[in-house]
C-alpha atoms as a PDB file:
ATOM      1  CA  MET A   1      93.817  76.333 148.530  1.00  0.00           C
ATOM      2  CA  GLU A   2      93.106  72.654 147.887  1.00  0.00           C
ATOM      3  CA  LYS A   3      89.317  71.731 147.406  1.00  0.00           C
ATOM      4  CA  PHE A   4      87.744  69.981 150.204  1.00  0.00           C
ATOM      5  CA  GLU A   5      87.654  66.510 148.425  1.00  0.00           C
ATOM      6  CA  GLN A   6      91.740  66.954 147.609  1.00  0.00           C
ATOM      7  CA  ILE A   7      92.411  67.730 151.184  1.00  0.00           C
ATOM      8  CA  VAL A   8      90.504  64.580 152.255  1.00  0.00           C
ATOM      9  CA  GLN A   9      92.311  62.300 149.830  1.00  0.00           C
ATOM     10  CA  ASN A  10      95.895  63.905 150.246  1.00  0.00           C
ATOM     11  CA  ASN A  11      96.803  61.969 153.590  1.00  0.00           C
ATOM     12  CA  ASN A  12      97.929  58.847 151.764  1.00  0.00           C
ATOM     13  CA  GLU A  13     101.143  59.291 153.947  1.00  0.00           C
ATOM     14  CA  MET A  14      99.140  59.501 157.265  1.00  0.00           C
ATOM     15  CA  LYS A  15      97.331  56.224 156.482  1.00  0.00           C
ATOM     16  CA  ASN A  16      98.561  52.568 157.010  1.00  0.00           C
ATOM     17  CA  SER A  17      95.961  50.296 155.482  1.00  0.00           C
ATOM     18  CA  LYS A  18      93.286  50.800 152.552  1.00  0.00           C
ATOM     19  CA  SER A  19      90.327  50.026 155.367  1.00  0.00           C
ATOM     20  CA  GLU A  20      91.790  53.122 157.071  1.00  0.00           C
ATOM     21  CA  MET A  21      92.243  55.383 154.297  1.00  0.00           C
ATOM     22  CA  SER A  22      88.861  54.621 152.915  1.00  0.00           C
ATOM     23  CA  THR A  23      87.279  55.983 156.686  1.00  0.00           C
ATOM     24  CA  ILE A  24      89.359  59.198 156.376  1.00  0.00           C
ATOM     25  CA  LYS A  25      88.191  59.845 152.888  1.00  0.00           C
ATOM     26  CA  GLU A  26      84.482  59.607 154.100  1.00  0.00           C
ATOM     27  CA  ARG A  27      84.932  62.068 156.985  1.00  0.00           C
ATOM     28  CA  LYS A  28      84.037  65.552 156.706  1.00  0.00           C
ATOM     29  CA  VAL A  29      84.768  66.887 159.849  1.00  0.00           C
ATOM     30  CA  ILE A  30      88.017  67.935 161.799  1.00  0.00           C
ATOM     31  CA  TRP A  31      88.634  68.258 165.464  1.00  0.00           C
ATOM     32  CA  HIS A  32      90.269  71.083 167.420  1.00  0.00           C
ATOM     33  CA  TYR A  33      91.384  69.772 170.524  1.00  0.00           C
ATOM     34  CA  THR A  34      91.546  72.615 173.242  1.00  0.00           C
ATOM     35  CA  ASN A  35      90.890  73.786 176.762  1.00  0.00           C
ATOM     36  CA  PHE A  36      87.505  75.412 178.340  1.00  0.00           C
ATOM     37  CA  LYS A  37      88.783  79.051 178.171  1.00  0.00           C
ATOM     38  CA  ALA A  38      89.491  78.725 174.158  1.00  0.00           C
ATOM     39  CA  PHE A  39      86.234  76.850 173.978  1.00  0.00           C
ATOM     40  CA  CYS A  40      84.417  79.736 175.532  1.00  0.00           C
ATOM     41  CA  ASN A  41      86.479  82.447 173.360  1.00  0.00           C
ATOM     42  CA  ILE A  42      85.377  80.403 169.988  1.00  0.00           C
ATOM     43  CA  LEU A  43      81.653  79.702 170.936  1.00  0.00           C
ATOM     44  CA  GLY A  44      81.261  82.716 172.994  1.00  0.00           C
ATOM     45  CA  GLN A  45      82.722  85.671 170.919  1.00  0.00           C
ATOM     46  CA  GLY A  46      83.382  83.600 167.547  1.00  0.00           C
ATOM     47  CA  HIS A  47      87.165  84.153 167.730  1.00  0.00           C
ATOM     48  CA  LEU A  48      89.700  81.239 166.957  1.00  0.00           C
ATOM     49  CA  TRP A  49      93.080  82.242 167.821  1.00  0.00           C
ATOM     50  CA  LEU A  50      95.661  81.403 165.480  1.00  0.00           C
ATOM     51  CA  CYS A  51      99.072  81.250 167.012  1.00  0.00           C
ATOM     52  CA  ASN A  52     102.488  82.166 166.105  1.00  0.00           C
ATOM     53  CA  THR A  53     103.864  78.858 164.693  1.00  0.00           C
ATOM     54  CA  LYS A  54     107.372  79.451 166.518  1.00  0.00           C
ATOM     55  CA  GLY A  55     105.841  79.014 169.688  1.00  0.00           C
ATOM     56  CA  MET A  56     103.930  75.684 169.035  1.00  0.00           C
ATOM     57  CA  ASN A  57     104.825  71.880 170.172  1.00  0.00           C
ATOM     58  CA  ASP A  58     107.276  71.399 167.518  1.00  0.00           C
ATOM     59  CA  LYS A  59     110.510  72.812 168.741  1.00  0.00           C
ATOM     60  CA  ASN A  60     111.611  73.130 165.092  1.00  0.00           C
ATOM     61  CA  GLU A  61     108.521  74.621 163.978  1.00  0.00           C
ATOM     62  CA  MET A  62     109.392  76.357 160.666  1.00  0.00           C
ATOM     63  CA  LEU A  63     112.750  75.638 160.458  1.00  0.00           C
ATOM     64  CA  ALA A  64     112.430  71.799 160.566  1.00  0.00           C
ATOM     65  CA  PHE A  65     111.306  71.379 156.832  1.00  0.00           C
ATOM     66  CA  ILE A  66     114.078  73.882 155.578  1.00  0.00           C
ATOM     67  CA  TYR A  67     116.681  71.584 157.510  1.00  0.00           C
ATOM     68  CA  GLN A  68     115.163  68.517 155.816  1.00  0.00           C
ATOM     69  CA  VAL A  69     115.559  70.155 152.151  1.00  0.00           C
ATOM     70  CA  GLU A  70     118.910  71.289 153.113  1.00  0.00           C
ATOM     71  CA  LYS A  71     119.882  67.639 154.187  1.00  0.00           C
ATOM     72  CA  LEU A  72     118.283  66.296 150.835  1.00  0.00           C
ATOM     73  CA  ILE A  73     120.571  68.653 148.464  1.00  0.00           C
ATOM     74  CA  LYS A  74     123.607  68.071 150.500  1.00  0.00           C
ATOM     75  CA  ALA A  75     122.867  64.426 149.539  1.00  0.00           C
ATOM     76  CA  ARG A  76     122.456  65.238 145.692  1.00  0.00           C
ATOM     77  CA  HIS A  77     125.607  67.613 145.811  1.00  0.00           C
ATOM     78  CA  PRO A  78     127.981  65.968 148.341  1.00  0.00           C
ATOM     79  CA  SER A  79     130.659  68.047 147.323  1.00  0.00           C
ATOM     80  CA  PHE A  80     129.287  71.342 147.716  1.00  0.00           C
ATOM     81  CA  SER A  81     127.998  70.612 151.354  1.00  0.00           C
ATOM     82  CA  LYS A  82     129.579  73.583 153.010  1.00  0.00           C
ATOM     83  CA  LEU A  83     128.293  75.988 150.475  1.00  0.00           C
ATOM     84  CA  ILE A  84     124.918  74.604 150.509  1.00  0.00           C
ATOM     85  CA  HIS A  85     124.886  75.204 154.467  1.00  0.00           C
ATOM     86  CA  ALA A  86     126.487  78.671 154.088  1.00  0.00           C
ATOM     87  CA  PHE A  87     123.378  79.485 151.655  1.00  0.00           C
ATOM     88  CA  PHE A  88     120.555  77.918 153.818  1.00  0.00           C
ATOM     89  CA  LYS A  89     121.976  79.883 156.853  1.00  0.00           C
ATOM     90  CA  LYS A  90     122.041  83.121 154.483  1.00  0.00           C
ATOM     91  CA  GLU A  91     118.254  82.650 153.589  1.00  0.00           C
ATOM     92  CA  ILE A  92     117.082  81.777 156.543  1.00  0.00           C
ATOM     93  CA  ALA A  93     118.486  84.507 158.307  1.00  0.00           C
ATOM     94  CA  ARG A  94     116.902  86.802 155.747  1.00  0.00           C
ATOM     95  CA  HIS A  95     113.340  84.970 156.262  1.00  0.00           C
ATOM     96  CA  GLN A  96     113.472  84.724 159.961  1.00  0.00           C
ATOM     97  CA  HIS A  97     111.394  87.700 160.872  1.00  0.00           C
ATOM     98  CA  LYS A  98     108.370  86.219 158.866  1.00  0.00           C
ATOM     99  CA  SER A  99     106.253  84.270 160.709  1.00  0.00           C
ATOM    100  CA  ILE A 100     103.205  81.860 160.151  1.00  0.00           C
ATOM    101  CA  TYR A 101      99.999  81.930 162.396  1.00  0.00           C
ATOM    102  CA  GLY A 102      98.107  78.568 162.505  1.00  0.00           C
ATOM    103  CA  SER A 103      95.577  76.554 164.206  1.00  0.00           C
ATOM    104  CA  SER A 104      95.683  72.553 164.509  1.00  0.00           C
ATOM    105  CA  PHE A 105      93.174  70.312 163.722  1.00  0.00           C
ATOM    106  CA  SER A 106      93.049  66.569 163.618  1.00  0.00           C
ATOM    107  CA  TYR A 107      90.910  64.124 161.774  1.00  0.00           C
ATOM    108  CA  LEU A 108      90.989  61.923 164.976  1.00  0.00           C
ATOM    109  CA  ALA A 109      87.739  62.702 166.817  1.00  0.00           C
ATOM    110  CA  ASN A 110      88.639  60.898 170.191  1.00  0.00           C
ATOM    111  CA  ASP A 111      92.381  60.070 170.176  1.00  0.00           C
ATOM    112  CA  ALA A 112      94.343  59.609 173.482  1.00  0.00           C
ATOM    113  CA  ALA A 113      97.555  61.340 172.404  1.00  0.00           C
ATOM    114  CA  GLN A 114      95.474  64.517 171.134  1.00  0.00           C
ATOM    115  CA  TRP A 115      93.989  64.838 174.367  1.00  0.00           C
ATOM    116  CA  GLU A 116      97.111  64.729 176.163  1.00  0.00           C
ATOM    117  CA  ARG A 117      99.005  66.693 174.170  1.00  0.00           C
ATOM    118  CA  TYR A 118      96.276  69.321 173.222  1.00  0.00           C
ATOM    119  CA  GLY A 119      93.203  68.800 175.102  1.00  0.00           C
ATOM    120  CA  TYR A 120      94.447  69.964 178.490  1.00  0.00           C
ATOM    121  CA  ALA A 121      95.789  66.738 179.388  1.00  0.00           C
ATOM    122  CA  GLY A 122      92.467  65.285 178.878  1.00  0.00           C
ATOM    123  CA  LYS A 123      90.438  67.753 180.669  1.00  0.00           C
ATOM    124  CA  GLY A 124      89.400  69.894 178.148  1.00  0.00           C
ATOM    125  CA  VAL A 125      87.044  69.649 174.905  1.00  0.00           C
ATOM    126  CA  SER A 126      87.205  68.622 171.055  1.00  0.00           C
ATOM    127  CA  ILE A 127      85.001  70.449 168.766  1.00  0.00           C
ATOM    128  CA  GLY A 128      84.154  69.303 165.372  1.00  0.00           C
ATOM    129  CA  PHE A 129      84.463  71.415 162.521  1.00  0.00           C
ATOM    130  CA  ASP A 130      82.710  70.507 158.986  1.00  0.00           C
ATOM    131  CA  LEU A 131      85.561  70.832 156.725  1.00  0.00           C
ATOM    132  CA  GLU A 132      83.574  71.995 153.655  1.00  0.00           C
ATOM    133  CA  ASN A 133      82.054  74.785 155.397  1.00  0.00           C
ATOM    134  CA  LEU A 134      85.430  75.764 156.849  1.00  0.00           C
ATOM    135  CA  LEU A 135      86.607  75.903 153.549  1.00  0.00           C
ATOM    136  CA  LYS A 136      84.350  78.380 152.486  1.00  0.00           C
ATOM    137  CA  ILE A 137      84.942  81.081 154.807  1.00  0.00           C
ATOM    138  CA  SER A 138      88.838  80.387 155.008  1.00  0.00           C
ATOM    139  CA  SER A 139      90.343  83.034 152.423  1.00  0.00           C
ATOM    140  CA  PRO A 140      92.403  84.717 152.521  1.00  0.00           C
ATOM    141  CA  PHE A 141      93.819  81.914 155.028  1.00  0.00           C
ATOM    142  CA  MET A 142      94.711  78.509 153.912  1.00  0.00           C
ATOM    143  CA  ILE A 143      94.024  75.007 154.947  1.00  0.00           C
ATOM    144  CA  GLU A 144      96.459  72.292 154.308  1.00  0.00           C
ATOM    145  CA  ASN A 145      97.216  69.173 155.361  1.00  0.00           C
ATOM    146  CA  VAL A 146     100.286  68.850 157.478  1.00  0.00           C
ATOM    147  CA  SER A 147     103.043  66.872 156.029  1.00  0.00           C
ATOM    148  CA  TYR A 148     105.810  64.870 157.589  1.00  0.00           C
ATOM    149  CA  SER A 149     109.515  64.379 156.806  1.00  0.00           C
ATOM    150  CA  ARG A 150     109.154  61.571 154.588  1.00  0.00           C
ATOM    151  CA  ASP A 151     106.790  63.067 152.209  1.00  0.00           C
ATOM    152  CA  TYR A 152     107.434  63.726 148.439  1.00  0.00           C
ATOM    153  CA  ARG A 153     107.213  67.335 148.408  1.00  0.00           C
ATOM    154  CA  ASN A 154     110.602  67.756 150.580  1.00  0.00           C
ATOM    155  CA  ARG A 155     112.282  66.103 146.805  1.00  0.00           C
ATOM    156  CA  ASP A 156     110.275  68.653 144.810  1.00  0.00           C
ATOM    157  CA  PHE A 157     112.335  71.620 146.453  1.00  0.00           C
ATOM    158  CA  GLU A 158     115.470  69.784 146.088  1.00  0.00           C
ATOM    159  CA  LYS A 159     115.186  69.900 142.269  1.00  0.00           C
ATOM    160  CA  LEU A 160     114.021  73.574 142.190  1.00  0.00           C
ATOM    161  CA  LEU A 161     117.405  74.771 143.394  1.00  0.00           C
ATOM    162  CA  PRO A 162     120.154  73.971 140.978  1.00  0.00           C
ATOM    163  CA  GLU A 163     123.973  73.259 141.411  1.00  0.00           C
ATOM    164  CA  GLU A 164     124.942  76.304 140.346  1.00  0.00           C
ATOM    165  CA  ILE A 165     123.237  78.517 143.140  1.00  0.00           C
ATOM    166  CA  PHE A 166     125.980  76.899 145.406  1.00  0.00           C
ATOM    167  CA  THR A 167     128.958  76.735 143.230  1.00  0.00           C
ATOM    168  CA  GLY A 168     129.052  80.545 142.360  1.00  0.00           C
ATOM    169  CA  ALA A 169     128.778  79.718 138.364  1.00  0.00           C
ATOM    170  CA  GLY A 170     126.385  81.185 136.393  1.00  0.00           C
ATOM    171  CA  THR A 171     122.892  80.012 136.520  1.00  0.00           C
ATOM    172  CA  TYR A 172     119.746  80.669 134.510  1.00  0.00           C
ATOM    173  CA  LEU A 173     117.737  81.366 137.846  1.00  0.00           C
ATOM    174  CA  SER A 174     117.703  85.118 138.829  1.00  0.00           C
ATOM    175  CA  LYS A 175     118.129  86.338 142.313  1.00  0.00           C
ATOM    176  CA  GLU A 176     114.230  87.144 142.397  1.00  0.00           C
ATOM    177  CA  LYS A 177     113.392  83.805 140.903  1.00  0.00           C
ATOM    178  CA  ILE A 178     115.819  82.095 143.915  1.00  0.00           C
ATOM    179  CA  ASP A 179     113.889  84.897 146.264  1.00  0.00           C
ATOM    180  CA  ARG A 180     110.425  83.047 145.368  1.00  0.00           C
ATOM    181  CA  ILE A 181     111.982  79.507 145.678  1.00  0.00           C
ATOM    182  CA  PHE A 182     113.003  79.949 149.245  1.00  0.00           C
ATOM    183  CA  GLY A 183     109.922  82.044 149.949  1.00  0.00           C
ATOM    184  CA  LEU A 184     107.549  79.314 148.546  1.00  0.00           C
ATOM    185  CA  LEU A 185     109.849  76.814 150.643  1.00  0.00           C
ATOM    186  CA  TRP A 186     109.649  78.985 153.874  1.00  0.00           C
ATOM    187  CA  ALA A 187     105.612  79.338 153.440  1.00  0.00           C
ATOM    188  CA  THR A 188     105.534  75.322 152.990  1.00  0.00           C
ATOM    189  CA  SER A 189     107.365  74.881 156.360  1.00  0.00           C
ATOM    190  CA  GLY A 190     104.233  75.908 158.153  1.00  0.00           C
ATOM    191  CA  ALA A 191     102.612  73.024 156.962  1.00  0.00           C
ATOM    192  CA  TYR A 192     105.226  70.531 158.020  1.00  0.00           C
ATOM    193  CA  LYS A 193     106.226  68.554 161.136  1.00  0.00           C
ATOM    194  CA  ASP A 194     108.814  66.020 162.088  1.00  0.00           C
ATOM    195  CA  TYR A 195     107.596  62.547 161.004  1.00  0.00           C
ATOM    196  CA  SER A 196     107.466  61.691 165.150  1.00  0.00           C
ATOM    197  CA  PHE A 197     104.084  63.772 164.856  1.00  0.00           C
ATOM    198  CA  LYS A 198     102.832  61.377 161.838  1.00  0.00           C
ATOM    199  CA  SER A 199     100.313  59.933 164.169  1.00  0.00           C
ATOM    200  CA  GLU A 200      98.444  63.199 164.806  1.00  0.00           C
ATOM    201  CA  MET A 201      97.179  63.413 161.399  1.00  0.00           C
ATOM    202  CA  GLU A 202      96.963  67.031 161.523  1.00  0.00           C
ATOM    203  CA  ILE A 203      95.281  69.520 159.029  1.00  0.00           C
ATOM    204  CA  ARG A 204      96.113  73.420 159.991  1.00  0.00           C
ATOM    205  CA  LEU A 205      94.463  76.356 159.269  1.00  0.00           C
ATOM    206  CA  MET A 206      97.113  79.277 158.690  1.00  0.00           C
ATOM    207  CA  THR A 207      98.414  82.312 157.309  1.00  0.00           C
ATOM    208  CA  THR A 208     101.016  82.818 154.496  1.00  0.00           C
ATOM    209  CA  PRO A 209     104.496  84.110 156.157  1.00  0.00           C
ATOM    210  CA  ILE A 210     104.257  87.492 157.336  1.00  0.00           C
ATOM    211  CA  SER A 211     106.022  90.211 159.048  1.00  0.00           C
ATOM    212  CA  ALA A 212     105.025  91.879 162.308  1.00  0.00           C
ATOM    213  CA  THR A 213     105.063  95.073 160.864  1.00  0.00           C
ATOM    214  CA  ASP A 214     102.601  93.971 158.039  1.00  0.00           C
ATOM    215  CA  THR A 215      99.872  91.596 158.873  1.00  0.00           C
ATOM    216  CA  THR A 216      97.797  92.496 155.826  1.00  0.00           C
ATOM    217  CA  PRO A 217      95.191  91.109 155.084  1.00  0.00           C
ATOM    218  CA  TYR A 218      95.059  88.902 158.053  1.00  0.00           C
ATOM    219  CA  GLY A 219      94.211  91.720 160.912  1.00  0.00           C
ATOM    220  CA  ASP A 220      96.542  92.652 163.948  1.00  0.00           C
ATOM    221  CA  ILE A 221      98.810  91.017 166.022  1.00  0.00           C
ATOM    222  CA  HIS A 222      97.535  90.211 169.745  1.00  0.00           C
ATOM    223  CA  TYR A 223      99.199  88.607 172.932  1.00  0.00           C
ATOM    224  CA  ASP A 224      98.110  86.859 175.668  1.00  0.00           C
ATOM    225  CA  ALA A 225      99.947  85.474 178.638  1.00  0.00           C
ATOM    226  CA  ALA A 226      99.734  81.812 179.647  1.00  0.00           C
ATOM    227  CA  PHE A 227     101.011  80.410 182.840  1.00  0.00           C
ATOM    228  CA  ASP A 228     104.406  79.573 181.462  1.00  0.00           C
ATOM    229  CA  LYS A 229     104.445  81.990 178.097  1.00  0.00           C
ATOM    230  CA  ILE A 230     103.642  85.028 176.213  1.00  0.00           C
ATOM    231  CA  ARG A 231     101.487  83.853 172.877  1.00  0.00           C
ATOM    232  CA  GLU A 232     101.396  85.625 170.019  1.00  0.00           C
ATOM    233  CA  TYR A 233      98.132  85.265 167.845  1.00  0.00           C
ATOM    234  CA  ILE A 234      95.874  86.287 165.118  1.00  0.00           C
ATOM    235  CA  ILE A 235      92.236  85.999 165.255  1.00  0.00           C
ATOM    236  CA  PHE A 236      90.341  84.168 162.793  1.00  0.00           C
ATOM    237  CA  ASP A 237      86.631  85.930 163.373  1.00  0.00           C
ATOM    238  CA  ILE A 238      84.369  82.911 162.603  1.00  0.00           C
ATOM    239  CA  LYS A 239      81.067  84.703 163.661  1.00  0.00           C
ATOM    240  CA  LYS A 240      82.164  87.480 161.152  1.00  0.00           C
ATOM    241  CA  LEU A 241      82.981  85.082 158.519  1.00  0.00           C
ATOM    242  CA  CYS A 242      80.267  82.781 158.755  1.00  0.00           C
ATOM    243  CA  ALA A 243      77.721  85.898 158.857  1.00  0.00           C
ATOM    244  CA  GLU A 244      79.633  87.183 155.459  1.00  0.00           C
ATOM    245  CA  HIS A 245      78.892  83.734 153.658  1.00  0.00           C
ATOM    246  CA  ASN A 246      75.371  83.364 154.903  1.00  0.00           C
ATOM    247  CA  LEU A 247      76.317  80.454 157.401  1.00  0.00           C
ATOM    248  CA  ASN A 248      75.265  80.085 160.842  1.00  0.00           C
ATOM    249  CA  ILE A 249      77.915  79.011 163.530  1.00  0.00           C
ATOM    250  CA  GLN A 250      76.080  75.719 163.790  1.00  0.00           C
ATOM    251  CA  ASP A 251      76.747  74.892 160.297  1.00  0.00           C
ATOM    252  CA  LEU A 252      80.419  75.055 160.870  1.00  0.00           C
ATOM    253  CA  ILE A 253      80.573  73.663 164.347  1.00  0.00           C
ATOM    254  CA  THR A 254      78.970  70.016 164.438  1.00  0.00           C
ATOM    255  CA  GLU A 255      79.853  68.369 167.574  1.00  0.00           C
ATOM    256  CA  VAL A 256      81.583  68.933 170.912  1.00  0.00           C
ATOM    257  CA  ILE A 257      83.456  66.406 172.928  1.00  0.00           C
ATOM    258  CA  ILE A 258      84.145  66.491 176.647  1.00  0.00           C
ATOM    259  CA  GLY A 259      87.504  65.460 177.588  1.00  0.00           C
ATOM    260  CA  PRO A 260      87.887  61.773 179.189  1.00  0.00           C
ATOM    261  CA  LYS A 261      89.600  63.483 182.242  1.00  0.00           C
ATOM    262  CA  SER A 262      87.542  66.841 182.621  1.00  0.00           C
ATOM    263  CA  THR A 263      85.010  67.368 185.573  1.00  0.00           C
ATOM    264  CA  GLN A 264      82.946  69.402 183.089  1.00  0.00           C
ATOM    265  CA  ASN A 265      79.046  68.461 183.903  1.00  0.00           C
ATOM    266  CA  ILE A 266      77.203  67.846 180.202  1.00  0.00           C
ATOM    267  CA  ILE A 267      74.166  69.360 181.486  1.00  0.00           C
ATOM    268  CA  ILE A 268      75.792  72.383 182.539  1.00  0.00           C
ATOM    269  CA  LEU A 269      77.567  72.762 179.107  1.00  0.00           C
ATOM    270  CA  GLN A 270      74.209  72.095 177.312  1.00  0.00           C
ATOM    271  CA  ASN A 271      72.788  75.090 179.172  1.00  0.00           C
ATOM    272  CA  PHE A 272      75.655  77.360 178.410  1.00  0.00           C
ATOM    273  CA  LEU A 273      75.520  76.713 174.720  1.00  0.00           C
ATOM    274  CA  THR A 274      71.824  77.103 174.497  1.00  0.00           C
ATOM    275  CA  GLU A 275      72.194  80.308 176.301  1.00  0.00           C
ATOM    276  CA  LEU A 276      74.395  81.326 173.582  1.00  0.00           C
ATOM    277  CA  GLY A 277      71.873  80.516 171.031  1.00  0.00           C
ATOM    278  CA  TYR A 278      73.587  77.277 169.947  1.00  0.00           C
ATOM    279  CA  SER A 279      70.994  74.835 170.442  1.00  0.00           C
ATOM    280  CA  ARG A 280      71.797  72.593 167.923  1.00  0.00           C
ATOM    281  CA  ILE A 281      75.257  71.986 168.942  1.00  0.00           C
ATOM    282  CA  ALA A 282      73.941  71.436 172.575  1.00  0.00           C
ATOM    283  CA  LYS A 283      72.242  68.442 171.426  1.00  0.00           C
ATOM    284  CA  CYS A 284      75.593  67.211 169.915  1.00  0.00           C
ATOM    285  CA  VAL A 285      77.638  67.350 173.101  1.00  0.00           C
ATOM    286  CA  HIS A 286      78.667  63.940 174.728  1.00  0.00           C
ATOM    287  CA  VAL A 287      81.401  62.792 176.797  1.00  0.00           C
ATOM    288  CA  SER A 288      84.612  61.094 175.609  1.00  0.00           C
ATOM    289  CA  ASP A 289      84.422  57.326 175.926  1.00  0.00           C
ATOM    290  CA  CYS A 290      88.825  57.849 175.328  1.00  0.00           C
ATOM    291  CA  PRO A 291      89.843  55.270 178.386  1.00  0.00           C
ATOM    292  CA  LEU A 292      92.477  57.764 179.196  1.00  0.00           C
ATOM    293  CA  ARG A 293      92.329  58.090 183.042  1.00  0.00           C
END
């Protein structure tokens, strides 16, 4: 897991100017956009859901990164294109049963696209998390900046798989070593999205790849019926984890922004938080000034 300063500084691919990069480096809060039902789970029960990434908004989640690496390797060894495809097809089939569970955050506090995509079409809420304290309680979960398709790490994996693997000739790599390389590639895919999502500036709290039959050390798998699908998730128990690290949830959650299209009354929300014992958070609630209407 990367240290706090490294995570903040490793966003060069997501920044377009020195001034913007400087601003991001100074930020110590990341934002989770969601609906009010999830908000009540997080503040009321202390439960943040990490959903199976196969059900997230990028239709190629998990596989997109694999396909990108396959494409790069084909470009490096064009005469073995069919063999390379067969190799990846076989390895994907072997790893397909493993899933990564994650929850998405953004460095953007009050962004129109985030509100539309994740903040219940602007009717939800954005919750500010102190990144340094989230890192303190995250183990054994990981916190990773999301990489996009032009990220340099793709090419690192390209170099790890030599030509001999695809030609059938002898290789200095054992089968176990090849398995570990592809397993690492599969794990990396959980923090990867297509380049078209680059503007999200996402950071993700997630598990390593696990199978449904063994979710150690992350806890049980749960299911929830949404209006349009069944969601599969693992609970990140922030209430329990904060207590174990001598932190108050109010040390972790620093601010709440009500969505620009929400009808939520700010005083009622502040009363709700005060009733839960979060008077400090209640004082840091405000309504989005995003012109999304």
